[in-house]
Amino acid sequence: MSLANIFHIAGSAMSAQTIRLNTTASNMANADSVSSSVDQTYRARKPVFALQEPSLEQVTNMDSGLLPGQGVQVKGIVESQAPLRTEYNPSHPLADEKGYVHYPNVNVVEEMADMISASRSFQINAEIMNTAKQMVQRALTLGQ
């Protein structure tokens, strides 16, 4: 594995963690949004990660050095299927005909833990890139 692969792997991980942070922020921003119908209620979103497969061009280019499974990609963002929170509050302006108000299925504590985890993963990958950069710089000074 070359040092260039390290930059690719850490960079793909940083991109994935950025998407994870964005979905977490969106979930937390909508945690207390209210709706009068189940269909219009915000649902928590989570990114789905997978191993990054190199493109055909990278596989045929022997110099790329990329092997399957080196890096991470975001396959998509899925909505949580957990049940929504429902509260009986007939005086609320958005209450449905039965007097219920619907809240998203966002667990704020879980989202905070997710945010801390994603932030820490991003920081670790930034440190990996920094260390690899220092190694390249030191290798270049060996020839002097």
Protein backbone atom coordinates (compact mmCIF):
# COMPACT_ATOMS: atom_id res chain seq x y z
CA MET A 1 0.00 0.00 0.00
CA SER A 2 1.42 3.37 -1.00
CA LEU A 3 1.07 6.58 0.94
CA ALA A 4 -1.21 7.90 -1.81
CA ASN A 5 -3.71 5.18 -0.85
CA ILE A 6 -3.67 6.44 2.73
CA PHE A 7 -4.76 9.88 1.54
CA HIS A 8 -7.52 8.32 -0.56
CA ILE A 9 -8.81 6.10 2.26
CA ALA A 10 -8.71 8.82 4.93
CA GLY A 11 -10.26 11.33 2.52
CA SER A 12 -13.16 9.03 1.69
CA ALA A 13 -13.71 8.42 5.41
CA MET A 14 -13.73 12.17 6.09
CA SER A 15 -16.31 12.69 3.33
CA ALA A 16 -18.49 9.93 4.79
CA GLN A 17 -18.26 11.38 8.31
CA THR A 18 -19.20 14.82 6.95
CA ILE A 19 -22.39 13.34 5.52
CA ARG A 20 -23.02 11.58 8.83
CA LEU A 21 -22.62 14.90 10.68
CA ASN A 22 -24.98 16.63 8.25
CA THR A 23 -27.72 14.02 8.69
CA THR A 24 -27.30 14.15 12.46
CA ALA A 25 -27.61 17.96 12.39
CA SER A 26 -30.74 17.67 10.25
CA ASN A 27 -32.25 15.13 12.65
CA MET A 28 -31.53 17.32 15.67
CA ALA A 29 -32.89 20.44 13.95
CA ASN A 30 -36.18 18.63 13.28
CA ALA A 31 -36.42 16.78 16.61
CA ASP A 32 -39.21 19.01 17.93
CA SER A 33 -41.04 19.73 14.69
CA VAL A 34 -44.75 19.01 14.88
CA SER A 35 -47.16 17.69 12.29
CA SER A 36 -50.86 16.99 12.09
CA SER A 37 -50.47 13.83 10.01
CA VAL A 38 -48.23 10.78 10.14
CA ASP A 39 -47.35 11.14 6.45
CA GLN A 40 -46.02 14.70 6.84
CA THR A 41 -43.98 14.04 9.99
CA TYR A 42 -40.20 14.22 9.70
CA ARG A 43 -38.46 10.86 10.10
CA ALA A 44 -34.89 10.43 11.35
CA ARG A 45 -32.35 9.81 8.60
CA LYS A 46 -29.19 7.70 8.71
CA PRO A 47 -26.44 7.30 6.11
CA VAL A 48 -25.58 3.80 4.89
CA PHE A 49 -21.85 3.14 4.45
CA ALA A 50 -20.17 0.47 2.34
CA LEU A 51 -16.68 -0.49 1.26
CA GLN A 52 -15.54 1.60 -1.66
CA GLU A 53 -14.82 -0.42 -4.75
CA PRO A 54 -12.25 1.01 -7.17
CA SER A 55 -13.50 2.08 -10.58
CA LEU A 56 -12.70 0.02 -13.67
CA GLU A 57 -10.18 2.68 -14.70
CA GLN A 58 -8.40 2.42 -11.35
CA VAL A 59 -8.32 -1.38 -11.50
CA THR A 60 -6.86 -1.43 -15.02
CA ASN A 61 -4.31 1.25 -14.11
CA MET A 62 -1.66 -0.76 -12.28
CA ASP A 63 -0.10 2.42 -10.88
CA SER A 64 -3.18 3.34 -8.84
CA GLY A 65 -2.49 0.58 -6.30
CA LEU A 66 -6.11 0.66 -5.14
CA LEU A 67 -7.59 -2.63 -4.07
CA PRO A 68 -11.25 -3.44 -3.40
CA GLY A 69 -12.36 -2.35 0.04
CA GLN A 70 -9.90 0.50 0.42
CA GLY A 71 -12.07 3.39 1.49
CA VAL A 72 -15.67 4.07 2.35
CA GLN A 73 -18.58 5.30 0.29
CA VAL A 74 -22.07 6.43 1.18
CA LYS A 75 -24.57 4.12 -0.49
CA GLY A 76 -27.51 6.30 0.45
CA ILE A 77 -29.50 7.86 3.25
CA VAL A 78 -32.41 5.91 4.68
CA GLU A 79 -35.32 7.01 6.85
CA SER A 80 -35.79 5.35 10.21
CA GLN A 81 -38.74 2.98 10.49
CA ALA A 82 -39.05 3.50 14.25
CA PRO A 83 -42.53 4.55 15.38
CA LEU A 84 -43.28 8.26 15.58
CA ARG A 85 -44.03 9.95 18.89
CA THR A 86 -47.70 10.83 19.25
CA GLU A 87 -49.06 13.17 21.90
CA TYR A 88 -52.67 13.91 22.79
CA ASN A 89 -53.02 17.69 22.74
CA PRO A 90 -56.38 18.76 21.29
CA SER A 91 -55.68 22.46 21.95
CA HIS A 92 -52.58 22.46 19.72
CA PRO A 93 -53.16 24.27 16.40
CA LEU A 94 -51.69 21.33 14.46
CA ALA A 95 -53.69 18.62 16.23
CA ASP A 96 -55.44 16.17 13.93
CA GLU A 97 -59.20 15.48 14.06
CA LYS A 98 -58.66 13.07 17.00
CA GLY A 99 -56.61 15.66 18.95
CA TYR A 100 -53.19 14.06 18.38
CA VAL A 101 -49.98 15.83 17.41
CA HIS A 102 -47.20 13.81 15.76
CA TYR A 103 -43.51 14.28 16.55
CA PRO A 104 -40.50 12.84 14.69
CA ASN A 105 -38.87 9.57 15.73
CA VAL A 106 -35.62 11.39 16.57
CA ASN A 107 -33.85 10.35 19.77
CA VAL A 108 -31.78 13.41 20.73
CA VAL A 109 -29.47 11.46 23.06
CA GLU A 110 -28.71 8.93 20.31
CA GLU A 111 -28.12 11.76 17.84
CA MET A 112 -25.68 13.48 20.23
CA ALA A 113 -23.73 10.25 20.61
CA ASP A 114 -23.72 9.85 16.81
CA MET A 115 -22.48 13.42 16.41
CA ILE A 116 -19.63 12.92 18.88
CA SER A 117 -18.67 9.64 17.20
CA ALA A 118 -18.70 11.16 13.69
CA SER A 119 -16.76 14.21 14.83
CA ARG A 120 -14.12 12.04 16.51
CA SER A 121 -13.83 9.78 13.44
CA PHE A 122 -13.33 12.87 11.26
CA GLN A 123 -10.60 14.14 13.60
CA ILE A 124 -8.81 10.78 13.61
CA ASN A 125 -8.77 10.64 9.81
CA ALA A 126 -7.45 14.21 9.67
CA GLU A 127 -4.62 13.12 11.99
CA ILE A 128 -3.92 10.12 9.76
CA MET A 129 -3.58 12.44 6.77
CA ASN A 130 -1.30 14.75 8.76
CA THR A 131 0.93 11.85 9.80
CA ALA A 132 1.11 10.54 6.23
CA LYS A 133 2.02 14.04 5.00
CA GLN A 134 4.83 14.24 7.56
CA MET A 135 6.10 10.83 6.46
CA VAL A 136 6.19 11.95 2.82
CA GLN A 137 8.04 15.14 3.78
CA ARG A 138 10.60 13.17 5.80
CA ALA A 139 11.08 10.69 2.98
CA LEU A 140 11.79 13.58 0.60
CA THR A 141 14.44 15.00 2.92
CA LEU A 142 16.28 11.64 3.09
CA GLY A 143 17.77 12.24 -0.36
CA GLN A 144 19.38 15.54 0.60
